[in-house]
């Protein structure tokens, strides 16, 4: 019933899944049966591999719950793999370090108390939009300068180190709700509000690149590697389940692109 629940965004997926399996016992949800359902969905809707991976991620939280509550011994999705075969539908937009600094300065004048702190956090830790949007104060460890991300795409929690600037910014925010990022009406910040605010910002600044929240994640990875960052550490920061995913997304960065390479 919660209008802000992320389950509402997955309604079609859960409806299709329940329509197929609501007559069976939970114990019958084995990897072969679930994969057969995925392939059926692919045939009916002409989904590509990336679509199936997205659906798998949405259902992963549900299966994690079943395992935690001991309705299942293991998560069948762990044994199901889909390749990243189809190209992205939208070209990546990469912001350089200077472009990000300029963008944050502009955003600070437009929405200093709501959108600016949210985007500032995204640019500093390379997280996904909803990972930060769902962040709670209990998951911000100021003593150890850590942010614990619980609501992740693959269902696996991870912790990221905060730098001094980010820690000071978060400490300055009002703690009126269990969620960190709130809107002007005292409610948790929604994905639509974030996206609409960015569209308005980019209309006001025509020279700004037309980026989205996920482009900040790509920009973080690119700038991290460009300054000599390690691919395995980047995997841990971004929360990819496999190093192959990280290399597939960002392995095209050439050695010539790395700034000031000095190992000693």
Foldseek 3Di string as FASTA:
>chain_A
DDPQDCVVVCVVLVVLVCVVDVVDQPAPPALVVVVVSLVVVCVVVVDALVVSLQSLLVCLQVQVVCCVVPSYVDRRSVVDDTDPPDDDPDDFDADAPVLLVVLLVLVCVVCVQAQSLLLVVCLQQLEASVQQLQFFPVQQDLVQQKGWRQDHSNRDIAIDHHDPVNSVSQVPHDRPDRHSGDDPVRHRDHPVNNQVVLVVSCVVVVVRDSHDSNSSSVNSLQNCVQQPHDLVVNCRSHVPPDSVVSCVSPVVDDPVSRPPDDPD
